[in-house]
């Protein structure tokens, strides 16, 4: 949970680097909250009829978490030595998503790079 809160505190920081742990813990909790919001929408009947799974709470949380998700994704790409603009590769059907997944799973560059110091070496572990 601390990793999730760390990302939310740095919600608009697009510079620097993000470890795999920081990125994946945020994504894990983000998906869990989206599922909970979808269930809540279905229970309360606030779903959008055309979509079926999304509703008021799902869309509201999605909008709130959009900037932090983009920021941590850009910082994750920085950790592997890529520009944040590489997120646009995700617009390429299938191949783009697979490539971004591979980059997100890849270990960060050792030592400092153009985007800053290695967060694995410079920051204390968050428990």
C-alpha atoms as a PDB file:
ATOM      1  CA  UNK A   1       0.000   0.000   0.000  1.00  0.00           C
ATOM      2  CA  UNK A   2       2.930   2.327   0.688  1.00  0.00           C
ATOM      3  CA  UNK A   3       4.057   2.013  -2.932  1.00  0.00           C
ATOM      4  CA  UNK A   4       0.584   3.034  -4.107  1.00  0.00           C
ATOM      5  CA  UNK A   5       0.558   6.039  -1.790  1.00  0.00           C
ATOM      6  CA  UNK A   6       4.070   6.996  -2.913  1.00  0.00           C
ATOM      7  CA  UNK A   7       2.865   7.172  -6.512  1.00  0.00           C
ATOM      8  CA  UNK A   8      -0.176   9.222  -5.511  1.00  0.00           C
ATOM      9  CA  UNK A   9       2.036  11.669  -3.592  1.00  0.00           C
ATOM     10  CA  UNK A  10       4.170  12.098  -6.717  1.00  0.00           C
ATOM     11  CA  UNK A  11       1.087  12.173  -8.929  1.00  0.00           C
ATOM     12  CA  UNK A  12       2.410  14.692 -11.457  1.00  0.00           C
ATOM     13  CA  UNK A  13       6.137  13.945 -11.334  1.00  0.00           C
ATOM     14  CA  UNK A  14       7.141  12.814 -14.809  1.00  0.00           C
ATOM     15  CA  UNK A  15      10.874  13.092 -14.195  1.00  0.00           C
ATOM     16  CA  UNK A  16      13.130  10.564 -12.519  1.00  0.00           C
ATOM     17  CA  UNK A  17      12.920   6.806 -12.432  1.00  0.00           C
ATOM     18  CA  UNK A  18      10.522   4.236 -10.947  1.00  0.00           C
ATOM     19  CA  UNK A  19      11.503   0.741  -9.857  1.00  0.00           C
ATOM     20  CA  UNK A  20       9.617  -2.306 -11.060  1.00  0.00           C
ATOM     21  CA  UNK A  21       8.222  -2.779  -7.562  1.00  0.00           C
ATOM     22  CA  UNK A  22       6.817   0.753  -7.444  1.00  0.00           C
ATOM     23  CA  UNK A  23       5.221   0.412 -10.865  1.00  0.00           C
ATOM     24  CA  UNK A  24       3.745  -3.073 -10.449  1.00  0.00           C
ATOM     25  CA  UNK A  25       2.428  -2.481  -6.921  1.00  0.00           C
ATOM     26  CA  UNK A  26       0.640   0.637  -8.167  1.00  0.00           C
ATOM     27  CA  UNK A  27      -0.799  -1.281 -11.137  1.00  0.00           C
ATOM     28  CA  UNK A  28      -1.911  -4.161  -8.893  1.00  0.00           C
ATOM     29  CA  UNK A  29      -3.782  -1.905  -6.477  1.00  0.00           C
ATOM     30  CA  UNK A  30      -5.100   0.221  -9.356  1.00  0.00           C
ATOM     31  CA  UNK A  31      -6.669  -2.838 -11.014  1.00  0.00           C
ATOM     32  CA  UNK A  32      -8.087  -4.033  -7.674  1.00  0.00           C
ATOM     33  CA  UNK A  33      -9.724  -0.641  -7.087  1.00  0.00           C
ATOM     34  CA  UNK A  34     -11.132  -0.645 -10.637  1.00  0.00           C
ATOM     35  CA  UNK A  35     -12.653  -4.086 -10.054  1.00  0.00           C
ATOM     36  CA  UNK A  36     -14.102  -2.948  -6.712  1.00  0.00           C
ATOM     37  CA  UNK A  37     -15.516   0.184  -8.356  1.00  0.00           C
ATOM     38  CA  UNK A  38     -17.095  -1.928 -11.092  1.00  0.00           C
ATOM     39  CA  UNK A  39     -18.678  -4.246  -8.524  1.00  0.00           C
ATOM     40  CA  UNK A  40     -19.926  -1.246  -6.547  1.00  0.00           C
ATOM     41  CA  UNK A  41     -21.404   0.265  -9.719  1.00  0.00           C
ATOM     42  CA  UNK A  42     -23.220  -2.976 -10.475  1.00  0.00           C
ATOM     43  CA  UNK A  43     -24.545  -3.295  -6.913  1.00  0.00           C
ATOM     44  CA  UNK A  44     -25.772   0.301  -6.797  1.00  0.00           C
ATOM     45  CA  UNK A  45     -27.062   0.237 -10.371  1.00  0.00           C
ATOM     46  CA  UNK A  46     -24.918   3.147 -11.520  1.00  0.00           C
ATOM     47  CA  UNK A  47     -23.512   1.335 -14.553  1.00  0.00           C
ATOM     48  CA  UNK A  48     -23.618   2.825 -18.013  1.00  0.00           C
ATOM     49  CA  UNK A  49     -26.118   0.717 -19.954  1.00  0.00           C
ATOM     50  CA  UNK A  50     -24.056   0.497 -23.140  1.00  0.00           C
ATOM     51  CA  UNK A  51     -20.904  -0.686 -21.345  1.00  0.00           C
ATOM     52  CA  UNK A  52     -22.297  -2.822 -18.535  1.00  0.00           C
ATOM     53  CA  UNK A  53     -19.261  -3.014 -16.224  1.00  0.00           C
ATOM     54  CA  UNK A  54     -18.348   0.654 -15.871  1.00  0.00           C
ATOM     55  CA  UNK A  55     -20.306   3.317 -14.139  1.00  0.00           C
ATOM     56  CA  UNK A  56     -20.004   6.415 -12.013  1.00  0.00           C
ATOM     57  CA  UNK A  57     -17.429   5.120  -9.504  1.00  0.00           C
ATOM     58  CA  UNK A  58     -15.369   3.305 -12.144  1.00  0.00           C
ATOM     59  CA  UNK A  59     -15.113   6.370 -14.379  1.00  0.00           C
ATOM     60  CA  UNK A  60     -14.526   8.732 -11.461  1.00  0.00           C
ATOM     61  CA  UNK A  61     -11.650   6.651 -10.081  1.00  0.00           C
ATOM     62  CA  UNK A  62     -10.253   6.153 -13.595  1.00  0.00           C
ATOM     63  CA  UNK A  63     -10.106   9.909 -14.112  1.00  0.00           C
ATOM     64  CA  UNK A  64      -8.566  10.519 -10.679  1.00  0.00           C
ATOM     65  CA  UNK A  65      -5.857   7.895 -11.230  1.00  0.00           C
ATOM     66  CA  UNK A  66      -5.088   8.762 -14.870  1.00  0.00           C
ATOM     67  CA  UNK A  67      -2.294  11.291 -14.221  1.00  0.00           C
ATOM     68  CA  UNK A  68      -0.548   9.192 -11.523  1.00  0.00           C
ATOM     69  CA  UNK A  69      -0.717   6.149 -13.830  1.00  0.00           C
ATOM     70  CA  UNK A  70       0.815   8.087 -16.704  1.00  0.00           C
ATOM     71  CA  UNK A  71       3.496   9.569 -14.433  1.00  0.00           C
ATOM     72  CA  UNK A  72       4.599   6.237 -12.948  1.00  0.00           C
ATOM     73  CA  UNK A  73       4.565   4.681 -16.431  1.00  0.00           C
ATOM     74  CA  UNK A  74       6.836   7.429 -17.770  1.00  0.00           C
ATOM     75  CA  UNK A  75       9.173   7.046 -14.784  1.00  0.00           C
ATOM     76  CA  UNK A  76       9.225   3.267 -15.355  1.00  0.00           C
ATOM     77  CA  UNK A  77      10.254   3.817 -18.974  1.00  0.00           C
ATOM     78  CA  UNK A  78      12.946   6.213 -17.766  1.00  0.00           C
ATOM     79  CA  UNK A  79      14.307   3.449 -15.539  1.00  0.00           C
ATOM     80  CA  UNK A  80      14.909   1.222 -18.564  1.00  0.00           C
ATOM     81  CA  UNK A  81      16.464   4.109 -20.491  1.00  0.00           C
ATOM     82  CA  UNK A  82      13.529   5.016 -22.733  1.00  0.00           C
ATOM     83  CA  UNK A  83      11.772   8.335 -23.201  1.00  0.00           C
ATOM     84  CA  UNK A  84       8.282   8.764 -21.801  1.00  0.00           C
ATOM     85  CA  UNK A  85       7.070   9.279 -25.353  1.00  0.00           C
ATOM     86  CA  UNK A  86       7.495   5.523 -25.824  1.00  0.00           C
ATOM     87  CA  UNK A  87       4.083   5.182 -24.147  1.00  0.00           C
ATOM     88  CA  UNK A  88       2.652   6.108 -27.530  1.00  0.00           C
ATOM     89  CA  UNK A  89       3.909   2.740 -28.811  1.00  0.00           C
ATOM     90  CA  UNK A  90       0.910   1.309 -26.944  1.00  0.00           C
ATOM     91  CA  UNK A  91      -1.285   2.760 -29.682  1.00  0.00           C
ATOM     92  CA  UNK A  92       0.058   0.137 -32.092  1.00  0.00           C
ATOM     93  CA  UNK A  93      -2.438  -2.754 -31.897  1.00  0.00           C
ATOM     94  CA  UNK A  94      -1.218  -5.852 -30.017  1.00  0.00           C
ATOM     95  CA  UNK A  95       2.516  -5.415 -30.711  1.00  0.00           C
ATOM     96  CA  UNK A  96       2.683  -2.054 -28.920  1.00  0.00           C
ATOM     97  CA  UNK A  97       1.067  -3.412 -25.770  1.00  0.00           C
ATOM     98  CA  UNK A  98       3.342  -6.434 -25.746  1.00  0.00           C
ATOM     99  CA  UNK A  99       6.424  -4.238 -26.160  1.00  0.00           C
ATOM    100  CA  UNK A 100       5.357  -1.945 -23.305  1.00  0.00           C
ATOM    101  CA  UNK A 101       4.756  -5.001 -21.112  1.00  0.00           C
ATOM    102  CA  UNK A 102       8.261  -6.270 -21.888  1.00  0.00           C
ATOM    103  CA  UNK A 103       9.753  -2.847 -21.062  1.00  0.00           C
ATOM    104  CA  UNK A 104       7.786  -2.672 -17.805  1.00  0.00           C
ATOM    105  CA  UNK A 105       9.090  -6.111 -16.794  1.00  0.00           C
ATOM    106  CA  UNK A 106      12.682  -5.387 -17.772  1.00  0.00           C
ATOM    107  CA  UNK A 107      15.189  -4.572 -15.048  1.00  0.00           C
ATOM    108  CA  UNK A 108      16.233  -0.936 -14.883  1.00  0.00           C
ATOM    109  CA  UNK A 109      19.595   0.277 -16.082  1.00  0.00           C
ATOM    110  CA  UNK A 110      22.283  -0.126 -13.419  1.00  0.00           C
ATOM    111  CA  UNK A 111      23.725   3.086 -12.060  1.00  0.00           C
ATOM    112  CA  UNK A 112      22.594   6.556 -13.027  1.00  0.00           C
ATOM    113  CA  UNK A 113      21.296   7.263 -16.512  1.00  0.00           C
ATOM    114  CA  UNK A 114      20.095  10.367 -18.379  1.00  0.00           C
ATOM    115  CA  UNK A 115      16.901  10.431 -16.299  1.00  0.00           C
ATOM    116  CA  UNK A 116      18.491  10.303 -12.857  1.00  0.00           C
ATOM    117  CA  UNK A 117      20.074   8.026 -10.277  1.00  0.00           C
ATOM    118  CA  UNK A 118      19.093   4.393  -9.952  1.00  0.00           C
ATOM    119  CA  UNK A 119      16.174   4.311  -7.455  1.00  0.00           C
ATOM    120  CA  UNK A 120      17.182   0.808  -6.399  1.00  0.00           C
ATOM    121  CA  UNK A 121      20.542   2.055  -5.136  1.00  0.00           C
ATOM    122  CA  UNK A 122      19.611   5.496  -3.831  1.00  0.00           C
ATOM    123  CA  UNK A 123      16.322   5.020  -1.993  1.00  0.00           C
ATOM    124  CA  UNK A 124      15.662   3.042   1.184  1.00  0.00           C
ATOM    125  CA  UNK A 125      13.182   0.186   0.881  1.00  0.00           C
ATOM    126  CA  UNK A 126       9.561   0.939   1.668  1.00  0.00           C
ATOM    127  CA  UNK A 127       7.924  -1.689   3.809  1.00  0.00           C
END
